[in-house]
Amino acid sequence: MINVAALTAIRSKDGQSKKELAHRAGISLQYLCDIEAGRRGCRPAVIARLAEALNVPKSAIEIPCNNIHAA
């Protein structure tokens, strides 16, 4: 599961636009907008591509499965 707040914060801090990140990750701009708005989730492979495009470890933008129900 993706940590939307972390994804958005890292992207903003890095100075990447949504359009640039979507292009670098190989996903559509609309899909990235939906992910960041919390309207859609994404598969682990997409999380990995987003992390690679942001040059961060996957764990920086991922919520571990064992923490999903902790809240």
Protein backbone atom coordinates (compact mmCIF):
# COMPACT_ATOMS: atom_id res chain seq x y z
CA MET A 1 0.00 0.00 0.00
CA ILE A 2 1.33 3.43 -0.87
CA ASN A 3 1.91 6.22 1.63
CA VAL A 4 0.29 9.09 -0.26
CA ALA A 5 1.56 11.80 2.11
CA ALA A 6 5.14 10.57 1.77
CA LEU A 7 4.86 10.27 -2.01
CA THR A 8 3.54 13.80 -2.37
CA ALA A 9 6.05 15.28 0.11
CA ILE A 10 9.05 13.61 -1.53
CA ARG A 11 7.89 14.62 -5.01
CA SER A 12 7.38 18.22 -3.92
CA LYS A 13 10.69 18.41 -2.04
CA ASP A 14 12.46 16.98 -5.08
CA GLY A 15 10.89 19.69 -7.24
CA GLN A 16 9.27 17.25 -9.66
CA SER A 17 5.93 18.08 -11.19
CA LYS A 18 3.25 15.40 -11.26
CA LYS A 19 3.65 15.27 -15.03
CA GLU A 20 7.41 14.69 -14.79
CA LEU A 21 7.08 11.99 -12.13
CA ALA A 22 4.34 10.20 -14.06
CA HIS A 23 6.52 10.22 -17.18
CA ARG A 24 9.60 8.98 -15.33
CA ALA A 25 7.58 6.21 -13.62
CA GLY A 26 5.87 5.16 -16.86
CA ILE A 27 2.32 5.84 -15.68
CA SER A 28 -0.31 8.30 -16.87
CA LEU A 29 -0.62 11.71 -15.28
CA GLN A 30 -4.26 10.94 -14.43
CA TYR A 31 -3.24 7.75 -12.62
CA LEU A 32 -0.65 9.64 -10.55
CA CYS A 33 -3.19 12.36 -9.74
CA ASP A 34 -5.65 9.69 -8.62
CA ILE A 35 -2.98 8.01 -6.46
CA GLU A 36 -1.98 11.29 -4.80
CA ALA A 37 -5.64 12.19 -4.21
CA GLY A 38 -6.24 8.81 -2.57
CA ARG A 39 -8.79 7.80 -5.21
CA ARG A 40 -6.74 4.82 -6.44
CA GLY A 41 -4.21 2.48 -4.99
CA CYS A 42 -1.39 0.91 -6.91
CA ARG A 43 0.36 -2.39 -7.26
CA PRO A 44 3.78 -3.06 -5.73
CA ALA A 45 5.40 -2.80 -9.17
CA VAL A 46 4.05 0.74 -9.59
CA ILE A 47 5.25 1.68 -6.10
CA ALA A 48 8.70 0.41 -7.09
CA ARG A 49 8.68 2.48 -10.30
CA LEU A 50 7.58 5.59 -8.42
CA ALA A 51 10.32 5.09 -5.83
CA GLU A 52 12.90 4.61 -8.57
CA ALA A 53 11.72 7.76 -10.34
CA LEU A 54 12.02 9.65 -7.04
CA ASN A 55 15.42 8.06 -6.34
CA VAL A 56 14.32 6.80 -2.93
CA PRO A 57 13.97 3.30 -1.48
CA LYS A 58 10.57 1.69 -1.97
CA SER A 59 10.11 1.69 1.80
CA ALA A 60 10.10 5.52 1.78
CA ILE A 61 6.70 5.60 0.04
CA GLU A 62 5.21 2.27 1.08
CA ILE A 63 3.13 1.36 4.12
CA PRO A 64 4.20 -2.11 5.26
CA CYS A 65 1.33 -4.61 5.16
CA ASN A 66 1.66 -5.33 8.88
CA ASN A 67 0.91 -1.63 9.64
CA ILE A 68 -2.27 -1.31 7.57
CA HIS A 69 -4.64 -2.35 10.36
CA ALA A 70 -2.64 -0.79 13.20
CA ALA A 71 -4.54 2.51 13.12
